[in-house]
Amino acid sequence: MRVRFTPSGRLQFLAALAYVHGDNPEAARKLRLRAERMLRRLSRYPKSGRLIREFPELPYREVVIPPYRFFYRVEGKTVWVVAVWHGAQLPAEPSVE
């Protein structure tokens, strides 16, 4: 499986890294490394994430790298990361891009 970001998912992830980097560059580096490990896991086990508790009926899943939630969907042989939100944010229903 390939793991890819949608344009909005990529922007959200980069914004999260930039925000963390502004306070603590080392924490940003660790977040990036943990995200890379999580993405490798998803490439092997795409259904390893849990259903989104706010929207369990939708075909999206999430993995958590505290304090961030990575929302994704599986389409064919691709895992699409569609959003990256801080855990304190309440997600809106994901939209198709």
PDB file of N, CA and C in Angstrom:
ATOM      1  N   MET A   1       0.834  -1.178   0.000  1.00  0.00           N
ATOM      2  CA  MET A   1       0.000   0.000   0.000  1.00  0.00           C
ATOM      3  C   MET A   1       0.883   1.247   0.000  1.00  0.00           C
ATOM      4  N   ARG A   2       0.382   2.271  -0.668  1.00  0.00           N
ATOM      5  CA  ARG A   2       1.041   3.577  -0.627  1.00  0.00           C
ATOM      6  C   ARG A   2       0.302   4.465   0.358  1.00  0.00           C
ATOM      7  N   VAL A   3       1.027   5.309   1.047  1.00  0.00           N
ATOM      8  CA  VAL A   3       0.417   6.280   1.946  1.00  0.00           C
ATOM      9  C   VAL A   3       0.681   7.658   1.350  1.00  0.00           C
ATOM     10  N   ARG A   4      -0.405   8.409   1.160  1.00  0.00           N
ATOM     11  CA  ARG A   4      -0.303   9.743   0.569  1.00  0.00           C
ATOM     12  C   ARG A   4      -1.134  10.717   1.381  1.00  0.00           C
ATOM     13  N   PHE A   5      -0.801  11.964   1.317  1.00  0.00           N
ATOM     14  CA  PHE A   5      -1.581  13.019   1.947  1.00  0.00           C
ATOM     15  C   PHE A   5      -2.425  13.711   0.884  1.00  0.00           C
ATOM     16  N   THR A   6      -3.656  14.059   1.238  1.00  0.00           N
ATOM     17  CA  THR A   6      -4.406  14.979   0.400  1.00  0.00           C
ATOM     18  C   THR A   6      -3.764  16.350   0.572  1.00  0.00           C
ATOM     19  N   PRO A   7      -4.019  17.285  -0.326  1.00  0.00           N
ATOM     20  CA  PRO A   7      -3.422  18.616  -0.151  1.00  0.00           C
ATOM     21  C   PRO A   7      -3.762  19.253   1.204  1.00  0.00           C
ATOM     22  N   SER A   8      -5.011  19.159   1.629  1.00  0.00           N
ATOM     23  CA  SER A   8      -5.371  19.767   2.919  1.00  0.00           C
ATOM     24  C   SER A   8      -4.745  19.006   4.086  1.00  0.00           C
ATOM     25  N   GLY A   9      -4.662  17.680   3.987  1.00  0.00           N
ATOM     26  CA  GLY A   9      -4.019  16.893   5.035  1.00  0.00           C
ATOM     27  C   GLY A   9      -2.546  17.239   5.175  1.00  0.00           C
ATOM     28  N   ARG A  10      -1.876  17.430   4.044  1.00  0.00           N
ATOM     29  CA  ARG A  10      -0.451  17.793   4.065  1.00  0.00           C
ATOM     30  C   ARG A  10      -0.269  19.171   4.700  1.00  0.00           C
ATOM     31  N   LEU A  11      -1.111  20.134   4.318  1.00  0.00           N
ATOM     32  CA  LEU A  11      -0.999  21.475   4.890  1.00  0.00           C
ATOM     33  C   LEU A  11      -1.226  21.458   6.401  1.00  0.00           C
ATOM     34  N   GLN A  12      -2.192  20.683   6.856  1.00  0.00           N
ATOM     35  CA  GLN A  12      -2.463  20.599   8.290  1.00  0.00           C
ATOM     36  C   GLN A  12      -1.286  19.976   9.036  1.00  0.00           C
ATOM     37  N   PHE A  13      -0.694  18.937   8.450  1.00  0.00           N
ATOM     38  CA  PHE A  13       0.456  18.299   9.093  1.00  0.00           C
ATOM     39  C   PHE A  13       1.643  19.258   9.151  1.00  0.00           C
ATOM     40  N   LEU A  14       1.920  19.943   8.043  1.00  0.00           N
ATOM     41  CA  LEU A  14       3.029  20.891   8.027  1.00  0.00           C
ATOM     42  C   LEU A  14       2.787  22.050   8.986  1.00  0.00           C
ATOM     43  N   ALA A  15       1.544  22.502   9.095  1.00  0.00           N
ATOM     44  CA  ALA A  15       1.219  23.578  10.041  1.00  0.00           C
ATOM     45  C   ALA A  15       1.429  23.108  11.481  1.00  0.00           C
ATOM     46  N   ALA A  16       1.060  21.858  11.769  1.00  0.00           N
ATOM     47  CA  ALA A  16       1.267  21.315  13.116  1.00  0.00           C
ATOM     48  C   ALA A  16       2.757  21.250  13.431  1.00  0.00           C
ATOM     49  N   LEU A  17       3.548  20.775  12.477  1.00  0.00           N
ATOM     50  CA  LEU A  17       4.998  20.714  12.696  1.00  0.00           C
ATOM     51  C   LEU A  17       5.572  22.111  12.920  1.00  0.00           C
ATOM     52  N   ALA A  18       5.133  23.075  12.126  1.00  0.00           N
ATOM     53  CA  ALA A  18       5.642  24.447  12.266  1.00  0.00           C
ATOM     54  C   ALA A  18       5.265  25.030  13.627  1.00  0.00           C
ATOM     55  N   TYR A  19       4.050  24.758  14.065  1.00  0.00           N
ATOM     56  CA  TYR A  19       3.598  25.268  15.357  1.00  0.00           C
ATOM     57  C   TYR A  19       4.447  24.685  16.489  1.00  0.00           C
ATOM     58  N   VAL A  20       4.627  23.372  16.465  1.00  0.00           N
ATOM     59  CA  VAL A  20       5.424  22.717  17.508  1.00  0.00           C
ATOM     60  C   VAL A  20       6.874  23.205  17.438  1.00  0.00           C
ATOM     61  N   HIS A  21       7.395  23.343  16.227  1.00  0.00           N
ATOM     62  CA  HIS A  21       8.776  23.791  16.046  1.00  0.00           C
ATOM     63  C   HIS A  21       8.995  25.171  16.644  1.00  0.00           C
ATOM     64  N   GLY A  22       7.975  26.040  16.560  1.00  0.00           N
ATOM     65  CA  GLY A  22       8.103  27.379  17.121  1.00  0.00           C
ATOM     66  C   GLY A  22       8.351  27.371  18.616  1.00  0.00           C
ATOM     67  N   ASP A  23       7.803  26.384  19.309  1.00  0.00           N
ATOM     68  CA  ASP A  23       7.998  26.268  20.754  1.00  0.00           C
ATOM     69  C   ASP A  23       9.171  25.376  21.127  1.00  0.00           C
ATOM     70  N   ASN A  24       9.352  24.302  20.325  1.00  0.00           N
ATOM     71  CA  ASN A  24      10.341  23.301  20.711  1.00  0.00           C
ATOM     72  C   ASN A  24      10.776  22.515  19.476  1.00  0.00           C
ATOM     73  N   PRO A  25      11.870  22.906  18.826  1.00  0.00           N
ATOM     74  CA  PRO A  25      12.324  22.217  17.613  1.00  0.00           C
ATOM     75  C   PRO A  25      12.539  20.715  17.807  1.00  0.00           C
ATOM     76  N   GLU A  26      13.032  20.315  18.967  1.00  0.00           N
ATOM     77  CA  GLU A  26      13.259  18.886  19.209  1.00  0.00           C
ATOM     78  C   GLU A  26      11.949  18.126  19.263  1.00  0.00           C
ATOM     79  N   ALA A  27      10.917  18.719  19.854  1.00  0.00           N
ATOM     80  CA  ALA A  27       9.602  18.075  19.900  1.00  0.00           C
ATOM     81  C   ALA A  27       9.029  17.939  18.495  1.00  0.00           C
ATOM     82  N   ALA A  28       9.264  18.920  17.634  1.00  0.00           N
ATOM     83  CA  ALA A  28       8.798  18.841  16.247  1.00  0.00           C
ATOM     84  C   ALA A  28       9.495  17.703  15.508  1.00  0.00           C
ATOM     85  N   ARG A  29      10.789  17.561  15.746  1.00  0.00           N
ATOM     86  CA  ARG A  29      11.540  16.462  15.111  1.00  0.00           C
ATOM     87  C   ARG A  29      10.986  15.116  15.558  1.00  0.00           C
ATOM     88  N   LYS A  30      10.702  14.987  16.856  1.00  0.00           N
ATOM     89  CA  LYS A  30      10.156  13.729  17.379  1.00  0.00           C
ATOM     90  C   LYS A  30       8.759  13.452  16.826  1.00  0.00           C
ATOM     91  N   LEU A  31       7.943  14.490  16.700  1.00  0.00           N
ATOM     92  CA  LEU A  31       6.616  14.315  16.116  1.00  0.00           C
ATOM     93  C   LEU A  31       6.726  13.819  14.684  1.00  0.00           C
ATOM     94  N   ARG A  32       7.628  14.408  13.909  1.00  0.00           N
ATOM     95  CA  ARG A  32       7.823  13.980  12.517  1.00  0.00           C
ATOM     96  C   ARG A  32       8.271  12.521  12.451  1.00  0.00           C
ATOM     97  N   LEU A  33       9.204  12.131  13.319  1.00  0.00           N
ATOM     98  CA  LEU A  33       9.685  10.745  13.318  1.00  0.00           C
ATOM     99  C   LEU A  33       8.570   9.770  13.715  1.00  0.00           C
ATOM    100  N   ARG A  34       7.767  10.143  14.711  1.00  0.00           N
ATOM    101  CA  ARG A  34       6.652   9.277  15.108  1.00  0.00           C
ATOM    102  C   ARG A  34       5.625   9.183  13.988  1.00  0.00           C
ATOM    103  N   ALA A  35       5.404  10.280  13.278  1.00  0.00           N
ATOM    104  CA  ALA A  35       4.471  10.253  12.146  1.00  0.00           C
ATOM    105  C   ALA A  35       5.008   9.348  11.038  1.00  0.00           C
ATOM    106  N   GLU A  36       6.286   9.402  10.762  1.00  0.00           N
ATOM    107  CA  GLU A  36       6.874   8.537   9.738  1.00  0.00           C
ATOM    108  C   GLU A  36       6.693   7.062  10.099  1.00  0.00           C
ATOM    109  N   ARG A  37       6.896   6.723  11.371  1.00  0.00           N
ATOM    110  CA  ARG A  37       6.693   5.328  11.809  1.00  0.00           C
ATOM    111  C   ARG A  37       5.237   4.915  11.652  1.00  0.00           C
ATOM    112  N   MET A  38       4.334   5.809  12.019  1.00  0.00           N
ATOM    113  CA  MET A  38       2.910   5.517  11.897  1.00  0.00           C
ATOM    114  C   MET A  38       2.530   5.321  10.432  1.00  0.00           C
ATOM    115  N   LEU A  39       3.055   6.135   9.543  1.00  0.00           N
ATOM    116  CA  LEU A  39       2.729   6.006   8.124  1.00  0.00           C
ATOM    117  C   LEU A  39       3.274   4.693   7.550  1.00  0.00           C
ATOM    118  N   ARG A  40       4.447   4.285   7.988  1.00  0.00           N
ATOM    119  CA  ARG A  40       4.974   2.980   7.552  1.00  0.00           C
ATOM    120  C   ARG A  40       4.069   1.851   8.031  1.00  0.00           C
ATOM    121  N   ARG A  41       3.587   1.960   9.271  1.00  0.00           N
ATOM    122  CA  ARG A  41       2.669   0.940   9.791  1.00  0.00           C
ATOM    123  C   ARG A  41       1.386   0.898   8.968  1.00  0.00           C
ATOM    124  N   LEU A  42       0.855   2.065   8.632  1.00  0.00           N
ATOM    125  CA  LEU A  42      -0.370   2.090   7.831  1.00  0.00           C
ATOM    126  C   LEU A  42      -0.158   1.487   6.445  1.00  0.00           C
ATOM    127  N   SER A  43       1.034   1.623   5.905  1.00  0.00           N
ATOM    128  CA  SER A  43       1.287   1.025   4.591  1.00  0.00           C
ATOM    129  C   SER A  43       1.218  -0.497   4.657  1.00  0.00           C
ATOM    130  N   ARG A  44       1.539  -1.065   5.814  1.00  0.00           N
ATOM    131  CA  ARG A  44       1.470  -2.526   5.992  1.00  0.00           C
ATOM    132  C   ARG A  44       0.122  -2.973   6.546  1.00  0.00           C
ATOM    133  N   TYR A  45      -0.439  -2.187   7.443  1.00  0.00           N
ATOM    134  CA  TYR A  45      -1.692  -2.537   8.129  1.00  0.00           C
ATOM    135  C   TYR A  45      -2.672  -1.369   8.032  1.00  0.00           C
ATOM    136  N   PRO A  46      -3.273  -1.172   6.868  1.00  0.00           N
ATOM    137  CA  PRO A  46      -4.101   0.022   6.667  1.00  0.00           C
ATOM    138  C   PRO A  46      -5.343   0.084   7.554  1.00  0.00           C
ATOM    139  N   LYS A  47      -5.791  -1.010   8.062  1.00  0.00           N
ATOM    140  CA  LYS A  47      -6.976  -0.981   8.923  1.00  0.00           C
ATOM    141  C   LYS A  47      -6.608  -1.004  10.405  1.00  0.00           C
ATOM    142  N   SER A  48      -5.349  -0.693  10.716  1.00  0.00           N
ATOM    143  CA  SER A  48      -4.917  -0.734  12.107  1.00  0.00           C
ATOM    144  C   SER A  48      -5.425   0.456  12.914  1.00  0.00           C
ATOM    145  N   GLY A  49      -5.847   1.520  12.239  1.00  0.00           N
ATOM    146  CA  GLY A  49      -6.408   2.660  12.952  1.00  0.00           C
ATOM    147  C   GLY A  49      -7.829   2.359  13.403  1.00  0.00           C
ATOM    148  N   ARG A  50      -8.311   3.154  14.342  1.00  0.00           N
ATOM    149  CA  ARG A  50      -9.665   2.939  14.842  1.00  0.00           C
ATOM    150  C   ARG A  50     -10.656   3.795  14.048  1.00  0.00           C
ATOM    151  N   LEU A  51     -11.921   3.395  14.119  1.00  0.00           N
ATOM    152  CA  LEU A  51     -12.961   4.218  13.527  1.00  0.00           C
ATOM    153  C   LEU A  51     -13.014   5.543  14.281  1.00  0.00           C
ATOM    154  N   ILE A  52     -13.404   6.597  13.609  1.00  0.00           N
ATOM    155  CA  ILE A  52     -13.496   7.912  14.244  1.00  0.00           C
ATOM    156  C   ILE A  52     -14.707   7.906  15.160  1.00  0.00           C
ATOM    157  N   ARG A  53     -14.483   8.144  16.437  1.00  0.00           N
ATOM    158  CA  ARG A  53     -15.563   8.007  17.414  1.00  0.00           C
ATOM    159  C   ARG A  53     -16.731   8.940  17.139  1.00  0.00           C
ATOM    160  N   GLU A  54     -16.457  10.120  16.579  1.00  0.00           N
ATOM    161  CA  GLU A  54     -17.531  11.063  16.287  1.00  0.00           C
ATOM    162  C   GLU A  54     -18.343  10.665  15.051  1.00  0.00           C
ATOM    163  N   PHE A  55     -17.749   9.865  14.164  1.00  0.00           N
ATOM    164  CA  PHE A  55     -18.390   9.481  12.906  1.00  0.00           C
ATOM    165  C   PHE A  55     -18.136   8.000  12.601  1.00  0.00           C
ATOM    166  N   PRO A  56     -18.590   7.078  13.458  1.00  0.00           N
ATOM    167  CA  PRO A  56     -18.258   5.664  13.263  1.00  0.00           C
ATOM    168  C   PRO A  56     -18.873   5.053  12.005  1.00  0.00           C
ATOM    169  N   GLU A  57     -19.881   5.698  11.447  1.00  0.00           N
ATOM    170  CA  GLU A  57     -20.543   5.147  10.260  1.00  0.00           C
ATOM    171  C   GLU A  57     -19.799   5.482   8.963  1.00  0.00           C
ATOM    172  N   LEU A  58     -18.827   6.384   9.023  1.00  0.00           N
ATOM    173  CA  LEU A  58     -18.094   6.793   7.822  1.00  0.00           C
ATOM    174  C   LEU A  58     -16.896   5.876   7.572  1.00  0.00           C
ATOM    175  N   PRO A  59     -16.433   5.815   6.323  1.00  0.00           N
ATOM    176  CA  PRO A  59     -15.309   4.926   5.981  1.00  0.00           C
ATOM    177  C   PRO A  59     -13.944   5.536   6.279  1.00  0.00           C
ATOM    178  N   TYR A  60     -13.837   6.292   7.344  1.00  0.00           N
ATOM    179  CA  TYR A  60     -12.581   6.914   7.745  1.00  0.00           C
ATOM    180  C   TYR A  60     -12.099   6.266   9.039  1.00  0.00           C
ATOM    181  N   ARG A  61     -10.787   6.312   9.226  1.00  0.00           N
ATOM    182  CA  ARG A  61     -10.170   5.809  10.445  1.00  0.00           C
ATOM    183  C   ARG A  61      -9.220   6.873  10.964  1.00  0.00           C
ATOM    184  N   GLU A  62      -8.699   6.639  12.144  1.00  0.00           N
ATOM    185  CA  GLU A  62      -7.743   7.582  12.705  1.00  0.00           C
ATOM    186  C   GLU A  62      -6.653   6.839  13.462  1.00  0.00           C
ATOM    187  N   VAL A  63      -5.510   7.476  13.504  1.00  0.00           N
ATOM    188  CA  VAL A  63      -4.426   7.063  14.389  1.00  0.00           C
ATOM    189  C   VAL A  63      -4.032   8.306  15.173  1.00  0.00           C
ATOM    190  N   VAL A  64      -3.600   8.087  16.397  1.00  0.00           N
ATOM    191  CA  VAL A  64      -3.285   9.202  17.284  1.00  0.00           C
ATOM    192  C   VAL A  64      -1.798   9.206  17.587  1.00  0.00           C
ATOM    193  N   ILE A  65      -1.210  10.363  17.382  1.00  0.00           N
ATOM    194  CA  ILE A  65       0.147  10.643  17.838  1.00  0.00           C
ATOM    195  C   ILE A  65      -0.019  11.857  18.741  1.00  0.00           C
ATOM    196  N   PRO A  66      -0.149  11.619  20.039  1.00  0.00           N
ATOM    197  CA  PRO A  66      -0.514  12.705  20.950  1.00  0.00           C
ATOM    198  C   PRO A  66       0.339  13.942  20.738  1.00  0.00           C
ATOM    199  N   PRO A  67      -0.312  15.088  20.678  1.00  0.00           N
ATOM    200  CA  PRO A  67      -1.743  15.342  20.847  1.00  0.00           C
ATOM    201  C   PRO A  67      -2.502  15.417  19.527  1.00  0.00           C
ATOM    202  N   TYR A  68      -1.951  14.867  18.442  1.00  0.00           N
ATOM    203  CA  TYR A  68      -2.569  14.997  17.117  1.00  0.00           C
ATOM    204  C   TYR A  68      -3.299  13.728  16.696  1.00  0.00           C
ATOM    205  N   ARG A  69      -4.386  13.943  15.967  1.00  0.00           N
ATOM    206  CA  ARG A  69      -5.187  12.856  15.389  1.00  0.00           C
ATOM    207  C   ARG A  69      -5.021  12.925  13.873  1.00  0.00           C
ATOM    208  N   PHE A  70      -4.634  11.800  13.268  1.00  0.00           N
ATOM    209  CA  PHE A  70      -4.476  11.697  11.822  1.00  0.00           C
ATOM    210  C   PHE A  70      -5.666  10.909  11.280  1.00  0.00           C
ATOM    211  N   PHE A  71      -6.474  11.546  10.431  1.00  0.00           N
ATOM    212  CA  PHE A  71      -7.655  10.917   9.864  1.00  0.00           C
ATOM    213  C   PHE A  71      -7.315  10.431   8.458  1.00  0.00           C
ATOM    214  N   TYR A  72      -7.745   9.215   8.131  1.00  0.00           N
ATOM    215  CA  TYR A  72      -7.404   8.674   6.819  1.00  0.00           C
ATOM    216  C   TYR A  72      -8.510   7.772   6.286  1.00  0.00           C
ATOM    217  N   ARG A  73      -8.430   7.512   4.987  1.00  0.00           N
ATOM    218  CA  ARG A  73      -9.327   6.564   4.337  1.00  0.00           C
ATOM    219  C   ARG A  73      -8.480   5.681   3.422  1.00  0.00           C
ATOM    220  N   VAL A  74      -8.980   4.496   3.153  1.00  0.00           N
ATOM    221  CA  VAL A  74      -8.288   3.562   2.270  1.00  0.00           C
ATOM    222  C   VAL A  74      -9.069   3.501   0.967  1.00  0.00           C
ATOM    223  N   GLU A  75      -8.377   3.732  -0.138  1.00  0.00           N
ATOM    224  CA  GLU A  75      -8.970   3.631  -1.468  1.00  0.00           C
ATOM    225  C   GLU A  75      -8.059   2.768  -2.319  1.00  0.00           C
ATOM    226  N   GLY A  76      -8.541   1.594  -2.664  1.00  0.00           N
ATOM    227  CA  GLY A  76      -7.723   0.690  -3.461  1.00  0.00           C
ATOM    228  C   GLY A  76      -6.441   0.354  -2.743  1.00  0.00           C
ATOM    229  N   LYS A  77      -5.316   0.660  -3.354  1.00  0.00           N
ATOM    230  CA  LYS A  77      -4.012   0.370  -2.761  1.00  0.00           C
ATOM    231  C   LYS A  77      -3.352   1.618  -2.182  1.00  0.00           C
ATOM    232  N   THR A  78      -4.176   2.610  -1.844  1.00  0.00           N
ATOM    233  CA  THR A  78      -3.648   3.855  -1.301  1.00  0.00           C
ATOM    234  C   THR A  78      -4.346   4.212   0.005  1.00  0.00           C
ATOM    235  N   VAL A  79      -3.556   4.605   0.985  1.00  0.00           N
ATOM    236  CA  VAL A  79      -4.068   5.158   2.239  1.00  0.00           C
ATOM    237  C   VAL A  79      -3.932   6.670   2.103  1.00  0.00           C
ATOM    238  N   TRP A  80      -5.056   7.385   2.174  1.00  0.00           N
ATOM    239  CA  TRP A  80      -5.072   8.841   2.048  1.00  0.00           C
ATOM    240  C   TRP A  80      -5.231   9.481   3.419  1.00  0.00           C
ATOM    241  N   VAL A  81      -4.221  10.226   3.859  1.00  0.00           N
ATOM    242  CA  VAL A  81      -4.341  11.004   5.091  1.00  0.00           C
ATOM    243  C   VAL A  81      -5.072  12.285   4.691  1.00  0.00           C
ATOM    244  N   VAL A  82      -6.296  12.440   5.217  1.00  0.00           N
ATOM    245  CA  VAL A  82      -7.145  13.548   4.783  1.00  0.00           C
ATOM    246  C   VAL A  82      -7.124  14.728   5.736  1.00  0.00           C
ATOM    247  N   ALA A  83      -6.732  14.511   6.989  1.00  0.00           N
ATOM    248  CA  ALA A  83      -6.721  15.606   7.952  1.00  0.00           C
ATOM    249  C   ALA A  83      -5.810  15.273   9.119  1.00  0.00           C
ATOM    250  N   VAL A  84      -5.261  16.317   9.722  1.00  0.00           N
ATOM    251  CA  VAL A  84      -4.447  16.203  10.934  1.00  0.00           C
ATOM    252  C   VAL A  84      -4.946  17.292  11.874  1.00  0.00           C
ATOM    253  N   TRP A  85      -5.504  16.878  12.998  1.00  0.00           N
ATOM    254  CA  TRP A  85      -6.092  17.825  13.943  1.00  0.00           C
ATOM    255  C   TRP A  85      -5.469  17.640  15.316  1.00  0.00           C
ATOM    256  N   HIS A  86      -5.388  18.734  16.033  1.00  0.00           N
ATOM    257  CA  HIS A  86      -4.990  18.668  17.434  1.00  0.00           C
ATOM    258  C   HIS A  86      -6.115  17.973  18.190  1.00  0.00           C
ATOM    259  N   GLY A  87      -5.794  17.184  19.172  1.00  0.00           N
ATOM    260  CA  GLY A  87      -6.789  16.425  19.918  1.00  0.00           C
ATOM    261  C   GLY A  87      -7.844  17.277  20.596  1.00  0.00           C
ATOM    262  N   ALA A  88      -7.561  18.546  20.858  1.00  0.00           N
ATOM    263  CA  ALA A  88      -8.541  19.429  21.485  1.00  0.00           C
ATOM    264  C   ALA A  88      -9.568  19.946  20.487  1.00  0.00           C
ATOM    265  N   GLN A  89      -9.297  19.795  19.187  1.00  0.00           N
ATOM    266  CA  GLN A  89     -10.241  20.242  18.167  1.00  0.00           C
ATOM    267  C   GLN A  89     -11.345  19.208  18.002  1.00  0.00           C
ATOM    268  N   LEU A  90     -12.548  19.680  17.755  1.00  0.00           N
ATOM    269  CA  LEU A  90     -13.654  18.777  17.446  1.00  0.00           C
ATOM    270  C   LEU A  90     -13.739  18.678  15.930  1.00  0.00           C
ATOM    271  N   PRO A  91     -13.612  17.461  15.396  1.00  0.00           N
ATOM    272  CA  PRO A  91     -13.590  17.340  13.942  1.00  0.00           C
ATOM    273  C   PRO A  91     -14.959  17.565  13.321  1.00  0.00           C
ATOM    274  N   ALA A  92     -14.947  18.165  12.154  1.00  0.00           N
ATOM    275  CA  ALA A  92     -16.143  18.250  11.326  1.00  0.00           C
ATOM    276  C   ALA A  92     -16.177  16.983  10.485  1.00  0.00           C
ATOM    277  N   GLU A  93     -17.322  16.655   9.953  1.00  0.00           N
ATOM    278  CA  GLU A  93     -17.427  15.457   9.115  1.00  0.00           C
ATOM    279  C   GLU A  93     -16.454  15.602   7.957  1.00  0.00           C
ATOM    280  N   PRO A  94     -15.627  14.579   7.698  1.00  0.00           N
ATOM    281  CA  PRO A  94     -14.639  14.667   6.619  1.00  0.00           C
ATOM    282  C   PRO A  94     -15.336  14.851   5.280  1.00  0.00           C
ATOM    283  N   SER A  95     -14.691  15.619   4.400  1.00  0.00           N
ATOM    284  CA  SER A  95     -15.232  15.806   3.066  1.00  0.00           C
ATOM    285  C   SER A  95     -14.332  15.096   2.056  1.00  0.00           C
ATOM    286  N   VAL A  96     -14.919  14.724   0.937  1.00  0.00           N
ATOM    287  CA  VAL A  96     -14.174  14.043  -0.118  1.00  0.00           C
ATOM    288  C   VAL A  96     -13.413  15.099  -0.916  1.00  0.00           C
ATOM    289  N   GLU A  97     -12.129  14.859  -1.149  1.00  0.00           N
ATOM    290  CA  GLU A  97     -11.319  15.786  -1.946  1.00  0.00           C
ATOM    291  C   GLU A  97     -11.015  15.157  -3.266  1.00  0.00           C
TER     292      GLU A  97
END
